[in-house]
Amino acid sequence: MCTGMLLKQFFNERGITASAVAESLGISRSGLYKKLEGKTDFTMTEARKIMEFARMNNEEIVRIFFS
């Protein structure tokens, strides 16, 4: 599974909205969806912000971003 799909699943399981994630990244919802769909890439800064915002543990980080 790609990073975007894993992130969508993670957000759904945690009840995290796309609006909240986009706001935490300082981008629009449509910009976030482009990243989740693989049309544009997440920057390292954005990935780090997501990890902090969503309070991911090490296992989740590895599974989502490094699989």
N, C-alpha and C. Protein backbone atom coordinates (compact mmCIF):
# COMPACT_ATOMS: atom_id res chain seq x y z
N MET A 1 0.84 -1.18 0.00
CA MET A 1 0.00 0.00 0.00
C MET A 1 0.89 1.24 0.00
N CYS A 2 0.46 2.29 -0.69
CA CYS A 2 1.27 3.50 -0.76
C CYS A 2 1.06 4.37 0.49
N THR A 3 1.98 5.30 0.67
CA THR A 3 1.94 6.18 1.84
C THR A 3 0.60 6.88 1.98
N GLY A 4 0.08 7.42 0.88
CA GLY A 4 -1.18 8.15 0.94
C GLY A 4 -2.34 7.29 1.43
N MET A 5 -2.41 6.07 0.93
CA MET A 5 -3.49 5.18 1.35
C MET A 5 -3.34 4.80 2.82
N LEU A 6 -2.09 4.56 3.24
CA LEU A 6 -1.85 4.23 4.64
C LEU A 6 -2.19 5.41 5.55
N LEU A 7 -1.86 6.62 5.11
CA LEU A 7 -2.20 7.81 5.90
C LEU A 7 -3.72 7.99 5.99
N LYS A 8 -4.41 7.82 4.88
CA LYS A 8 -5.89 7.93 4.90
C LYS A 8 -6.48 6.95 5.90
N GLN A 9 -6.01 5.72 5.86
CA GLN A 9 -6.49 4.70 6.78
C GLN A 9 -6.18 5.09 8.23
N PHE A 10 -4.97 5.55 8.47
CA PHE A 10 -4.55 5.97 9.81
C PHE A 10 -5.44 7.12 10.31
N PHE A 11 -5.66 8.12 9.46
CA PHE A 11 -6.49 9.26 9.86
C PHE A 11 -7.92 8.82 10.17
N ASN A 12 -8.47 7.94 9.33
CA ASN A 12 -9.82 7.44 9.56
C ASN A 12 -9.92 6.68 10.89
N GLU A 13 -8.93 5.84 11.16
CA GLU A 13 -8.94 5.07 12.41
C GLU A 13 -8.85 5.97 13.64
N ARG A 14 -8.15 7.07 13.52
CA ARG A 14 -7.96 7.99 14.64
C ARG A 14 -8.99 9.11 14.69
N GLY A 15 -9.87 9.19 13.69
CA GLY A 15 -10.87 10.25 13.65
C GLY A 15 -10.27 11.61 13.35
N ILE A 16 -9.17 11.62 12.61
CA ILE A 16 -8.51 12.87 12.24
C ILE A 16 -9.04 13.31 10.89
N THR A 17 -9.52 14.55 10.80
CA THR A 17 -10.11 15.03 9.56
C THR A 17 -9.05 15.58 8.61
N ALA A 18 -9.38 15.54 7.33
CA ALA A 18 -8.50 16.10 6.31
C ALA A 18 -8.30 17.59 6.54
N SER A 19 -9.35 18.26 6.96
CA SER A 19 -9.25 19.70 7.23
C SER A 19 -8.23 19.99 8.32
N ALA A 20 -8.24 19.19 9.37
CA ALA A 20 -7.31 19.40 10.48
C ALA A 20 -5.87 19.13 10.03
N VAL A 21 -5.67 18.09 9.24
CA VAL A 21 -4.33 17.77 8.75
C VAL A 21 -3.83 18.88 7.83
N ALA A 22 -4.67 19.28 6.89
CA ALA A 22 -4.29 20.34 5.95
C ALA A 22 -3.93 21.62 6.70
N GLU A 23 -4.74 21.96 7.68
CA GLU A 23 -4.47 23.17 8.47
C GLU A 23 -3.13 23.06 9.20
N SER A 24 -2.85 21.88 9.75
CA SER A 24 -1.58 21.70 10.48
C SER A 24 -0.38 21.82 9.55
N LEU A 25 -0.59 21.50 8.27
CA LEU A 25 0.49 21.59 7.29
C LEU A 25 0.57 22.97 6.63
N GLY A 26 -0.50 23.75 6.80
CA GLY A 26 -0.54 25.07 6.16
C GLY A 26 -0.82 24.98 4.67
N ILE A 27 -1.59 23.94 4.27
CA ILE A 27 -1.96 23.78 2.87
C ILE A 27 -3.48 23.62 2.77
N SER A 28 -3.99 23.70 1.55
CA SER A 28 -5.42 23.52 1.34
C SER A 28 -5.78 22.04 1.40
N ARG A 29 -7.07 21.77 1.58
CA ARG A 29 -7.52 20.38 1.56
C ARG A 29 -7.25 19.74 0.21
N SER A 30 -7.45 20.50 -0.86
CA SER A 30 -7.19 19.94 -2.19
C SER A 30 -5.70 19.63 -2.36
N GLY A 31 -4.84 20.46 -1.78
CA GLY A 31 -3.40 20.19 -1.81
C GLY A 31 -3.07 18.92 -1.05
N LEU A 32 -3.73 18.71 0.08
CA LEU A 32 -3.53 17.48 0.86
C LEU A 32 -4.00 16.27 0.07
N TYR A 33 -5.16 16.36 -0.56
CA TYR A 33 -5.67 15.22 -1.32
C TYR A 33 -4.74 14.86 -2.48
N LYS A 34 -4.14 15.87 -3.11
CA LYS A 34 -3.18 15.59 -4.18
C LYS A 34 -2.01 14.78 -3.64
N LYS A 35 -1.57 15.10 -2.45
CA LYS A 35 -0.46 14.37 -1.83
C LYS A 35 -0.90 12.96 -1.44
N LEU A 36 -2.09 12.84 -0.88
CA LEU A 36 -2.59 11.52 -0.48
C LEU A 36 -2.82 10.61 -1.68
N GLU A 37 -3.17 11.20 -2.82
CA GLU A 37 -3.42 10.42 -4.03
C GLU A 37 -2.15 10.18 -4.84
N GLY A 38 -1.01 10.71 -4.38
CA GLY A 38 0.25 10.48 -5.05
C GLY A 38 0.52 11.39 -6.23
N LYS A 39 -0.30 12.42 -6.40
CA LYS A 39 -0.09 13.35 -7.51
C LYS A 39 1.06 14.31 -7.23
N THR A 40 1.27 14.62 -5.96
CA THR A 40 2.43 15.40 -5.52
C THR A 40 3.00 14.69 -4.30
N ASP A 41 4.25 14.96 -4.00
CA ASP A 41 4.92 14.29 -2.89
C ASP A 41 4.86 15.10 -1.61
N PHE A 42 4.89 14.40 -0.49
CA PHE A 42 5.05 15.05 0.80
C PHE A 42 6.52 15.45 0.95
N THR A 43 6.77 16.63 1.48
CA THR A 43 8.14 17.01 1.80
C THR A 43 8.49 16.38 3.14
N MET A 44 9.76 16.36 3.46
CA MET A 44 10.19 15.83 4.76
C MET A 44 9.59 16.67 5.88
N THR A 45 9.51 17.97 5.68
CA THR A 45 8.93 18.86 6.70
C THR A 45 7.46 18.52 6.91
N GLU A 46 6.73 18.29 5.83
CA GLU A 46 5.32 17.93 5.95
C GLU A 46 5.14 16.59 6.66
N ALA A 47 5.99 15.62 6.31
CA ALA A 47 5.91 14.32 6.97
C ALA A 47 6.16 14.47 8.46
N ARG A 48 7.15 15.26 8.82
CA ARG A 48 7.46 15.48 10.24
C ARG A 48 6.29 16.16 10.96
N LYS A 49 5.67 17.13 10.29
CA LYS A 49 4.51 17.81 10.90
C LYS A 49 3.35 16.83 11.11
N ILE A 50 3.13 15.96 10.14
CA ILE A 50 2.06 14.96 10.28
C ILE A 50 2.36 14.04 11.45
N MET A 51 3.58 13.57 11.56
CA MET A 51 3.96 12.68 12.65
C MET A 51 3.72 13.34 14.01
N GLU A 52 4.08 14.61 14.12
CA GLU A 52 3.89 15.33 15.38
C GLU A 52 2.41 15.60 15.64
N PHE A 53 1.71 16.07 14.61
CA PHE A 53 0.29 16.41 14.75
C PHE A 53 -0.53 15.17 15.15
N ALA A 54 -0.26 14.05 14.48
CA ALA A 54 -1.03 12.82 14.71
C ALA A 54 -0.48 12.00 15.87
N ARG A 55 0.61 12.45 16.47
CA ARG A 55 1.25 11.76 17.59
C ARG A 55 1.50 10.29 17.27
N MET A 56 2.13 10.07 16.13
CA MET A 56 2.44 8.70 15.70
C MET A 56 3.56 8.12 16.54
N ASN A 57 3.47 6.83 16.80
CA ASN A 57 4.56 6.15 17.48
C ASN A 57 5.55 5.64 16.43
N ASN A 58 6.68 5.15 16.86
CA ASN A 58 7.73 4.72 15.93
C ASN A 58 7.26 3.63 14.98
N GLU A 59 6.49 2.70 15.47
CA GLU A 59 5.97 1.61 14.62
C GLU A 59 5.09 2.16 13.50
N GLU A 60 4.22 3.11 13.83
CA GLU A 60 3.33 3.71 12.83
C GLU A 60 4.13 4.50 11.80
N ILE A 61 5.12 5.22 12.26
CA ILE A 61 5.96 6.01 11.35
C ILE A 61 6.65 5.11 10.34
N VAL A 62 7.25 4.04 10.82
CA VAL A 62 7.95 3.11 9.93
C VAL A 62 6.96 2.46 8.97
N ARG A 63 5.84 2.00 9.47
CA ARG A 63 4.84 1.31 8.63
C ARG A 63 4.32 2.23 7.52
N ILE A 64 4.07 3.48 7.85
CA ILE A 64 3.45 4.39 6.88
C ILE A 64 4.47 5.03 5.94
N PHE A 65 5.55 5.53 6.49
CA PHE A 65 6.49 6.31 5.67
C PHE A 65 7.67 5.53 5.11
N PHE A 66 7.97 4.35 5.66
CA PHE A 66 9.17 3.65 5.23
C PHE A 66 8.91 2.21 4.76
N SER A 67 7.67 1.90 4.46
CA SER A 67 7.35 0.53 3.99
C SER A 67 7.59 0.42 2.50
